[in-house]
Amino acid sequence: MENKILRKLTEEEKQKIKFVVNDVLSEDLPEEPTEYDVLMKQKQKEFILNLLKDDEPEQIDALLEMCEEYIKKDGTAFPGFGSTLALMAMYDMWLNNSLLWPVGHNPEWEEWEKLKEKKVKKT
């Protein structure tokens, strides 16, 4: 078995990734959130944790390059569009356990959709 060299992200790199992913994917919870809203917020946090794991240097460099492109917003007609689309596709693939994008049918969505009917109980 081949030994893979893994790279650790620095704290600065982690903060950059968190900022960009949150900026691209975040939506504030509605005033009266449903269980679906809460689940999707949790999935977003899990996705970020997944991105922050040690990985191969090429994968980390590609991710950081996307984040840099997004932050720079290169002044084109659609600033940061390529990096935004790439991050959204990565999230979609991760969320749906798919190796390809666009993703196919995910049976979990049927259960997740039912959560839209359940308001979160305030404590």
C-alpha atoms as a PDB file:
ATOM      1  CA  MET A   1       0.000   0.000   0.000  1.00  0.00           C
ATOM      2  CA  GLU A   2       1.239   3.430  -0.959  1.00  0.00           C
ATOM      3  CA  ASN A   3       1.967   5.908   1.830  1.00  0.00           C
ATOM      4  CA  LYS A   4       0.137   9.165   1.281  1.00  0.00           C
ATOM      5  CA  ILE A   5       1.642  12.363   2.536  1.00  0.00           C
ATOM      6  CA  LEU A   6      -0.950  14.449   4.324  1.00  0.00           C
ATOM      7  CA  ARG A   7      -0.792  18.155   4.945  1.00  0.00           C
ATOM      8  CA  LYS A   8      -2.210  19.967   7.945  1.00  0.00           C
ATOM      9  CA  LEU A   9      -3.991  23.251   7.476  1.00  0.00           C
ATOM     10  CA  THR A  10      -2.706  26.258   9.374  1.00  0.00           C
ATOM     11  CA  GLU A  11      -5.134  28.190  11.586  1.00  0.00           C
ATOM     12  CA  GLU A  12      -5.144  31.035   9.061  1.00  0.00           C
ATOM     13  CA  GLU A  13      -6.031  28.631   6.240  1.00  0.00           C
ATOM     14  CA  LYS A  14      -8.802  27.087   8.349  1.00  0.00           C
ATOM     15  CA  GLN A  15     -10.284  30.520   9.030  1.00  0.00           C
ATOM     16  CA  LYS A  16     -10.175  31.374   5.324  1.00  0.00           C
ATOM     17  CA  ILE A  17     -12.005  28.156   4.400  1.00  0.00           C
ATOM     18  CA  LYS A  18     -14.618  28.653   7.122  1.00  0.00           C
ATOM     19  CA  PHE A  19     -15.226  32.233   6.021  1.00  0.00           C
ATOM     20  CA  VAL A  20     -15.690  31.358   2.355  1.00  0.00           C
ATOM     21  CA  VAL A  21     -17.875  28.289   2.917  1.00  0.00           C
ATOM     22  CA  ASN A  22     -20.070  30.170   5.377  1.00  0.00           C
ATOM     23  CA  ASP A  23     -20.321  33.129   3.007  1.00  0.00           C
ATOM     24  CA  VAL A  24     -21.260  30.904   0.047  1.00  0.00           C
ATOM     25  CA  LEU A  25     -23.621  28.499   1.812  1.00  0.00           C
ATOM     26  CA  SER A  26     -24.979  30.303   4.845  1.00  0.00           C
ATOM     27  CA  GLU A  27     -28.507  31.403   5.211  1.00  0.00           C
ATOM     28  CA  ASP A  28     -29.753  32.753   8.497  1.00  0.00           C
ATOM     29  CA  LEU A  29     -32.203  30.548  10.300  1.00  0.00           C
ATOM     30  CA  PRO A  30     -35.742  31.844   9.894  1.00  0.00           C
ATOM     31  CA  GLU A  31     -37.486  33.356  12.886  1.00  0.00           C
ATOM     32  CA  GLU A  32     -39.451  30.130  13.318  1.00  0.00           C
ATOM     33  CA  PRO A  33     -37.042  27.451  12.094  1.00  0.00           C
ATOM     34  CA  THR A  34     -38.130  23.978  11.129  1.00  0.00           C
ATOM     35  CA  GLU A  35     -36.232  20.823  11.979  1.00  0.00           C
ATOM     36  CA  TYR A  36     -35.108  20.842   8.331  1.00  0.00           C
ATOM     37  CA  ASP A  37     -33.514  24.287   8.757  1.00  0.00           C
ATOM     38  CA  VAL A  38     -31.645  23.093  11.832  1.00  0.00           C
ATOM     39  CA  LEU A  39     -30.539  19.879  10.086  1.00  0.00           C
ATOM     40  CA  MET A  40     -29.177  21.790   7.081  1.00  0.00           C
ATOM     41  CA  LYS A  41     -27.262  24.144   9.404  1.00  0.00           C
ATOM     42  CA  GLN A  42     -25.758  21.101  11.129  1.00  0.00           C
ATOM     43  CA  LYS A  43     -24.864  19.531   7.758  1.00  0.00           C
ATOM     44  CA  GLN A  44     -23.079  22.725   6.766  1.00  0.00           C
ATOM     45  CA  LYS A  45     -20.997  22.607   9.965  1.00  0.00           C
ATOM     46  CA  GLU A  46     -20.158  18.951   9.310  1.00  0.00           C
ATOM     47  CA  PHE A  47     -19.124  19.822   5.748  1.00  0.00           C
ATOM     48  CA  ILE A  48     -16.748  22.485   7.038  1.00  0.00           C
ATOM     49  CA  LEU A  49     -15.229  20.019   9.509  1.00  0.00           C
ATOM     50  CA  ASN A  50     -14.785  17.564   6.647  1.00  0.00           C
ATOM     51  CA  LEU A  51     -12.928  20.201   4.607  1.00  0.00           C
ATOM     52  CA  LEU A  52     -10.646  21.014   7.549  1.00  0.00           C
ATOM     53  CA  LYS A  53      -9.332  17.470   7.886  1.00  0.00           C
ATOM     54  CA  ASP A  54      -5.743  16.690   6.995  1.00  0.00           C
ATOM     55  CA  ASP A  55      -5.594  15.912   3.285  1.00  0.00           C
ATOM     56  CA  GLU A  56      -3.241  15.483   0.366  1.00  0.00           C
ATOM     57  CA  PRO A  57      -1.341  18.682  -0.401  1.00  0.00           C
ATOM     58  CA  GLU A  58      -2.844  18.925  -3.911  1.00  0.00           C
ATOM     59  CA  GLN A  59      -6.395  18.760  -2.528  1.00  0.00           C
ATOM     60  CA  ILE A  60      -5.702  21.405   0.091  1.00  0.00           C
ATOM     61  CA  ASP A  61      -3.981  23.661  -2.444  1.00  0.00           C
ATOM     62  CA  ALA A  62      -6.963  23.381  -4.822  1.00  0.00           C
ATOM     63  CA  LEU A  63      -9.392  24.207  -2.016  1.00  0.00           C
ATOM     64  CA  LEU A  64      -7.327  27.196  -0.886  1.00  0.00           C
ATOM     65  CA  GLU A  65      -7.043  28.403  -4.491  1.00  0.00           C
ATOM     66  CA  MET A  66     -10.859  28.344  -4.765  1.00  0.00           C
ATOM     67  CA  CYS A  67     -11.122  30.294  -1.529  1.00  0.00           C
ATOM     68  CA  GLU A  68      -8.585  32.856  -2.736  1.00  0.00           C
ATOM     69  CA  GLU A  69     -10.482  33.284  -6.018  1.00  0.00           C
ATOM     70  CA  TYR A  70     -13.699  33.839  -4.095  1.00  0.00           C
ATOM     71  CA  ILE A  71     -12.111  36.366  -1.739  1.00  0.00           C
ATOM     72  CA  LYS A  72     -10.401  38.269  -4.574  1.00  0.00           C
ATOM     73  CA  LYS A  73     -13.598  38.399  -6.670  1.00  0.00           C
ATOM     74  CA  ASP A  74     -11.546  38.894  -9.772  1.00  0.00           C
ATOM     75  CA  GLY A  75     -13.736  41.644 -11.280  1.00  0.00           C
ATOM     76  CA  THR A  76     -15.321  39.533 -14.005  1.00  0.00           C
ATOM     77  CA  ALA A  77     -19.023  39.745 -14.828  1.00  0.00           C
ATOM     78  CA  PHE A  78     -19.656  37.115 -12.166  1.00  0.00           C
ATOM     79  CA  PRO A  79     -17.038  37.706  -9.457  1.00  0.00           C
ATOM     80  CA  GLY A  80     -15.903  34.495  -7.857  1.00  0.00           C
ATOM     81  CA  PHE A  81     -18.542  32.564  -9.826  1.00  0.00           C
ATOM     82  CA  GLY A  82     -16.240  29.629 -10.628  1.00  0.00           C
ATOM     83  CA  SER A  83     -15.180  29.151  -7.028  1.00  0.00           C
ATOM     84  CA  THR A  84     -18.744  29.643  -5.784  1.00  0.00           C
ATOM     85  CA  LEU A  85     -20.076  27.014  -8.167  1.00  0.00           C
ATOM     86  CA  ALA A  86     -17.223  24.646  -7.307  1.00  0.00           C
ATOM     87  CA  LEU A  87     -17.874  24.940  -3.553  1.00  0.00           C
ATOM     88  CA  MET A  88     -21.602  24.466  -4.029  1.00  0.00           C
ATOM     89  CA  ALA A  89     -20.949  21.372  -6.161  1.00  0.00           C
ATOM     90  CA  MET A  90     -18.535  19.999  -3.536  1.00  0.00           C
ATOM     91  CA  TYR A  91     -21.150  20.542  -0.820  1.00  0.00           C
ATOM     92  CA  ASP A  92     -23.874  18.953  -2.936  1.00  0.00           C
ATOM     93  CA  MET A  93     -21.705  15.895  -3.638  1.00  0.00           C
ATOM     94  CA  TRP A  94     -20.733  15.582   0.034  1.00  0.00           C
ATOM     95  CA  LEU A  95     -24.302  16.041   1.256  1.00  0.00           C
ATOM     96  CA  ASN A  96     -25.610  13.411  -1.152  1.00  0.00           C
ATOM     97  CA  ASN A  97     -22.697  10.957  -0.785  1.00  0.00           C
ATOM     98  CA  SER A  98     -22.058  11.195  -4.510  1.00  0.00           C
ATOM     99  CA  LEU A  99     -18.809  10.942  -6.411  1.00  0.00           C
ATOM    100  CA  LEU A 100     -20.318  12.747  -9.419  1.00  0.00           C
ATOM    101  CA  TRP A 101     -22.031  16.063  -9.949  1.00  0.00           C
ATOM    102  CA  PRO A 102     -24.821  16.734 -10.625  1.00  0.00           C
ATOM    103  CA  VAL A 103     -25.910  14.168  -8.089  1.00  0.00           C
ATOM    104  CA  GLY A 104     -28.584  11.562  -8.572  1.00  0.00           C
ATOM    105  CA  HIS A 105     -31.561  10.763  -6.414  1.00  0.00           C
ATOM    106  CA  ASN A 106     -30.806  10.560  -2.695  1.00  0.00           C
ATOM    107  CA  PRO A 107     -33.479   8.703  -0.702  1.00  0.00           C
ATOM    108  CA  GLU A 108     -32.548  10.661   2.436  1.00  0.00           C
ATOM    109  CA  TRP A 109     -34.106  13.778   0.918  1.00  0.00           C
ATOM    110  CA  GLU A 110     -37.560  12.230   1.215  1.00  0.00           C
ATOM    111  CA  GLU A 111     -37.077  12.014   4.994  1.00  0.00           C
ATOM    112  CA  TRP A 112     -35.411  15.416   5.196  1.00  0.00           C
ATOM    113  CA  GLU A 113     -38.299  17.052   3.314  1.00  0.00           C
ATOM    114  CA  LYS A 114     -40.704  15.810   5.997  1.00  0.00           C
ATOM    115  CA  LEU A 115     -38.746  17.864   8.539  1.00  0.00           C
ATOM    116  CA  LYS A 116     -39.925  21.056   6.830  1.00  0.00           C
ATOM    117  CA  GLU A 117     -43.305  20.505   8.432  1.00  0.00           C
ATOM    118  CA  LYS A 118     -41.946  20.339  11.990  1.00  0.00           C
ATOM    119  CA  LYS A 119     -41.248  23.608  13.744  1.00  0.00           C
ATOM    120  CA  VAL A 120     -38.436  23.622  16.270  1.00  0.00           C
ATOM    121  CA  LYS A 121     -39.727  23.844  19.801  1.00  0.00           C
ATOM    122  CA  LYS A 122     -38.375  26.843  21.659  1.00  0.00           C
ATOM    123  CA  THR A 123     -36.768  26.047  24.997  1.00  0.00           C
END
